[in-house]
Amino acid sequence: MSAAAKHVDVRFFWRLFEALPAAEAAIGEDDEAAQDVTTLRGRLNDLVHSGEGELADALRPLYIDYLAERD
């Protein structure tokens, strides 16, 4: 997250934004995933906290792909 933020990588953040509901569903947060699909506020909140806890673990492949592309 910090590398993308440092470089203001909008494409990465858009991919992350799109992946959030599926990642939440994968960790069993179905209610949260459904809410995020319908509300921008919920998705933005999750985007801010996407580097924390189980959600970060579910999004790890996305982070690894991003770092691999940058090298």
N, C-alpha and C. Protein backbone atom coordinates (compact mmCIF):
# COMPACT_ATOMS: atom_id res chain seq x y z
N MET A 1 0.82 -1.19 0.00
CA MET A 1 0.00 0.00 0.00
C MET A 1 0.86 1.26 0.00
N SER A 2 1.92 1.25 0.79
CA SER A 2 2.72 2.46 0.89
C SER A 2 3.43 2.80 -0.43
N ALA A 3 3.86 1.77 -1.16
CA ALA A 3 4.51 2.03 -2.46
C ALA A 3 3.52 2.64 -3.44
N ALA A 4 2.31 2.13 -3.47
CA ALA A 4 1.28 2.67 -4.37
C ALA A 4 0.90 4.08 -3.96
N ALA A 5 0.79 4.32 -2.67
CA ALA A 5 0.44 5.66 -2.19
C ALA A 5 1.56 6.65 -2.50
N LYS A 6 2.80 6.21 -2.32
CA LYS A 6 3.94 7.08 -2.58
C LYS A 6 3.98 7.51 -4.05
N HIS A 7 3.61 6.60 -4.94
CA HIS A 7 3.64 6.88 -6.37
C HIS A 7 2.29 7.33 -6.92
N VAL A 8 1.31 7.50 -6.03
CA VAL A 8 -0.05 7.89 -6.41
C VAL A 8 -0.51 7.04 -7.60
N ASP A 9 -0.46 5.73 -7.41
CA ASP A 9 -0.80 4.78 -8.47
C ASP A 9 -2.32 4.55 -8.50
N VAL A 10 -3.00 5.35 -9.27
CA VAL A 10 -4.46 5.31 -9.35
C VAL A 10 -4.94 3.97 -9.88
N ARG A 11 -4.23 3.41 -10.85
CA ARG A 11 -4.65 2.12 -11.42
C ARG A 11 -4.65 1.02 -10.36
N PHE A 12 -3.63 0.99 -9.50
CA PHE A 12 -3.58 0.00 -8.44
C PHE A 12 -4.76 0.19 -7.47
N PHE A 13 -4.99 1.43 -7.07
CA PHE A 13 -6.08 1.67 -6.13
C PHE A 13 -7.43 1.35 -6.75
N TRP A 14 -7.59 1.54 -8.04
CA TRP A 14 -8.84 1.17 -8.70
C TRP A 14 -9.01 -0.35 -8.68
N ARG A 15 -7.93 -1.10 -8.97
CA ARG A 15 -8.00 -2.57 -8.92
C ARG A 15 -8.32 -3.03 -7.50
N LEU A 16 -7.73 -2.40 -6.51
CA LEU A 16 -8.00 -2.72 -5.12
C LEU A 16 -9.45 -2.42 -4.78
N PHE A 17 -9.94 -1.28 -5.22
CA PHE A 17 -11.32 -0.86 -5.00
C PHE A 17 -12.29 -1.89 -5.57
N GLU A 18 -11.98 -2.42 -6.76
CA GLU A 18 -12.84 -3.43 -7.38
C GLU A 18 -12.75 -4.78 -6.67
N ALA A 19 -11.61 -5.10 -6.10
CA ALA A 19 -11.40 -6.39 -5.46
C ALA A 19 -11.94 -6.48 -4.04
N LEU A 20 -12.23 -5.37 -3.41
CA LEU A 20 -12.64 -5.37 -2.00
C LEU A 20 -13.87 -6.23 -1.70
N PRO A 21 -14.98 -6.10 -2.43
CA PRO A 21 -16.14 -6.93 -2.08
C PRO A 21 -15.87 -8.43 -2.17
N ALA A 22 -15.13 -8.86 -3.18
CA ALA A 22 -14.82 -10.29 -3.31
C ALA A 22 -13.90 -10.75 -2.18
N ALA A 23 -12.95 -9.91 -1.78
CA ALA A 23 -12.05 -10.26 -0.69
C ALA A 23 -12.82 -10.37 0.62
N GLU A 24 -13.75 -9.48 0.84
CA GLU A 24 -14.57 -9.55 2.06
C GLU A 24 -15.44 -10.80 2.06
N ALA A 25 -16.00 -11.14 0.94
CA ALA A 25 -16.80 -12.36 0.85
C ALA A 25 -15.92 -13.58 1.11
N ALA A 26 -14.69 -13.56 0.64
CA ALA A 26 -13.78 -14.68 0.82
C ALA A 26 -13.42 -14.92 2.29
N ILE A 27 -13.44 -13.87 3.09
CA ILE A 27 -13.12 -14.03 4.52
C ILE A 27 -14.38 -14.14 5.37
N GLY A 28 -15.53 -14.27 4.72
CA GLY A 28 -16.77 -14.50 5.45
C GLY A 28 -17.53 -13.26 5.86
N GLU A 29 -17.17 -12.12 5.36
CA GLU A 29 -17.87 -10.88 5.69
C GLU A 29 -18.88 -10.56 4.58
N ASP A 30 -19.85 -11.46 4.41
CA ASP A 30 -20.83 -11.32 3.33
C ASP A 30 -21.67 -10.05 3.47
N ASP A 31 -22.07 -9.72 4.68
CA ASP A 31 -22.87 -8.50 4.89
C ASP A 31 -22.08 -7.26 4.51
N GLU A 32 -20.83 -7.25 4.90
CA GLU A 32 -19.95 -6.12 4.58
C GLU A 32 -19.75 -6.01 3.07
N ALA A 33 -19.57 -7.14 2.41
CA ALA A 33 -19.37 -7.14 0.96
C ALA A 33 -20.61 -6.63 0.25
N ALA A 34 -21.79 -7.05 0.69
CA ALA A 34 -23.03 -6.59 0.07
C ALA A 34 -23.22 -5.10 0.27
N GLN A 35 -22.90 -4.61 1.45
CA GLN A 35 -23.03 -3.17 1.73
C GLN A 35 -22.07 -2.37 0.85
N ASP A 36 -20.86 -2.88 0.66
CA ASP A 36 -19.86 -2.16 -0.13
C ASP A 36 -20.25 -2.04 -1.59
N VAL A 37 -20.97 -3.01 -2.09
CA VAL A 37 -21.40 -2.95 -3.48
C VAL A 37 -22.39 -1.81 -3.68
N THR A 38 -23.16 -1.51 -2.66
CA THR A 38 -24.21 -0.50 -2.80
C THR A 38 -23.83 0.88 -2.27
N THR A 39 -22.78 0.98 -1.46
CA THR A 39 -22.43 2.30 -0.92
C THR A 39 -20.97 2.66 -1.17
N LEU A 40 -20.77 3.83 -1.67
CA LEU A 40 -19.42 4.33 -1.91
C LEU A 40 -18.68 4.55 -0.59
N ARG A 41 -19.39 5.01 0.40
CA ARG A 41 -18.77 5.29 1.70
C ARG A 41 -18.18 4.02 2.30
N GLY A 42 -18.91 2.91 2.22
CA GLY A 42 -18.42 1.64 2.74
C GLY A 42 -17.17 1.17 2.02
N ARG A 43 -17.15 1.33 0.71
CA ARG A 43 -15.99 0.90 -0.06
C ARG A 43 -14.78 1.79 0.22
N LEU A 44 -14.99 3.07 0.35
CA LEU A 44 -13.87 3.97 0.67
C LEU A 44 -13.29 3.66 2.05
N ASN A 45 -14.16 3.38 3.00
CA ASN A 45 -13.71 3.01 4.34
C ASN A 45 -12.88 1.74 4.28
N ASP A 46 -13.34 0.76 3.53
CA ASP A 46 -12.59 -0.49 3.41
C ASP A 46 -11.28 -0.28 2.68
N LEU A 47 -11.26 0.61 1.73
CA LEU A 47 -10.03 0.92 1.01
C LEU A 47 -8.97 1.46 1.97
N VAL A 48 -9.39 2.31 2.87
CA VAL A 48 -8.48 2.89 3.86
C VAL A 48 -7.92 1.80 4.78
N HIS A 49 -8.74 0.80 5.10
CA HIS A 49 -8.33 -0.24 6.05
C HIS A 49 -7.96 -1.55 5.35
N SER A 50 -7.74 -1.52 4.05
CA SER A 50 -7.47 -2.75 3.30
C SER A 50 -6.13 -3.38 3.61
N GLY A 51 -5.26 -2.69 4.28
CA GLY A 51 -3.96 -3.24 4.63
C GLY A 51 -3.93 -3.85 6.02
N GLU A 52 -5.09 -4.08 6.61
CA GLU A 52 -5.16 -4.55 8.00
C GLU A 52 -5.88 -5.88 8.10
N GLY A 53 -5.43 -6.73 8.99
CA GLY A 53 -6.13 -7.96 9.38
C GLY A 53 -6.37 -8.96 8.26
N GLU A 54 -7.49 -9.68 8.40
CA GLU A 54 -7.83 -10.74 7.46
C GLU A 54 -8.06 -10.20 6.04
N LEU A 55 -8.58 -8.99 5.94
CA LEU A 55 -8.81 -8.40 4.63
C LEU A 55 -7.48 -8.22 3.90
N ALA A 56 -6.46 -7.80 4.59
CA ALA A 56 -5.13 -7.66 3.98
C ALA A 56 -4.62 -9.01 3.50
N ASP A 57 -4.86 -10.05 4.30
CA ASP A 57 -4.44 -11.39 3.90
C ASP A 57 -5.16 -11.83 2.63
N ALA A 58 -6.46 -11.53 2.53
CA ALA A 58 -7.23 -11.91 1.34
C ALA A 58 -6.78 -11.13 0.10
N LEU A 59 -6.28 -9.94 0.31
CA LEU A 59 -5.83 -9.10 -0.81
C LEU A 59 -4.34 -9.26 -1.11
N ARG A 60 -3.66 -10.09 -0.36
CA ARG A 60 -2.21 -10.27 -0.53
C ARG A 60 -1.81 -10.57 -1.98
N PRO A 61 -2.52 -11.46 -2.71
CA PRO A 61 -2.12 -11.71 -4.11
C PRO A 61 -2.12 -10.44 -4.97
N LEU A 62 -3.06 -9.56 -4.72
CA LEU A 62 -3.12 -8.30 -5.46
C LEU A 62 -1.89 -7.44 -5.14
N TYR A 63 -1.51 -7.39 -3.86
CA TYR A 63 -0.34 -6.62 -3.46
C TYR A 63 0.94 -7.21 -4.08
N ILE A 64 1.03 -8.53 -4.07
CA ILE A 64 2.23 -9.19 -4.62
C ILE A 64 2.32 -8.94 -6.12
N ASP A 65 1.20 -9.04 -6.84
CA ASP A 65 1.20 -8.76 -8.27
C ASP A 65 1.66 -7.33 -8.54
N TYR A 66 1.18 -6.40 -7.74
CA TYR A 66 1.56 -5.00 -7.92
C TYR A 66 3.07 -4.83 -7.75
N LEU A 67 3.61 -5.40 -6.68
CA LEU A 67 5.04 -5.26 -6.43
C LEU A 67 5.88 -5.96 -7.51
N ALA A 68 5.40 -7.10 -8.00
CA ALA A 68 6.11 -7.83 -9.06
C ALA A 68 6.12 -7.02 -10.36
N GLU A 69 5.03 -6.34 -10.65
CA GLU A 69 4.96 -5.51 -11.86
C GLU A 69 5.91 -4.31 -11.78
N ARG A 70 6.13 -3.80 -10.59
CA ARG A 70 6.97 -2.61 -10.41
C ARG A 70 8.45 -2.93 -10.55
N ASP A 71 8.84 -4.16 -10.28
CA ASP A 71 10.27 -4.53 -10.35
C ASP A 71 10.72 -4.84 -11.74
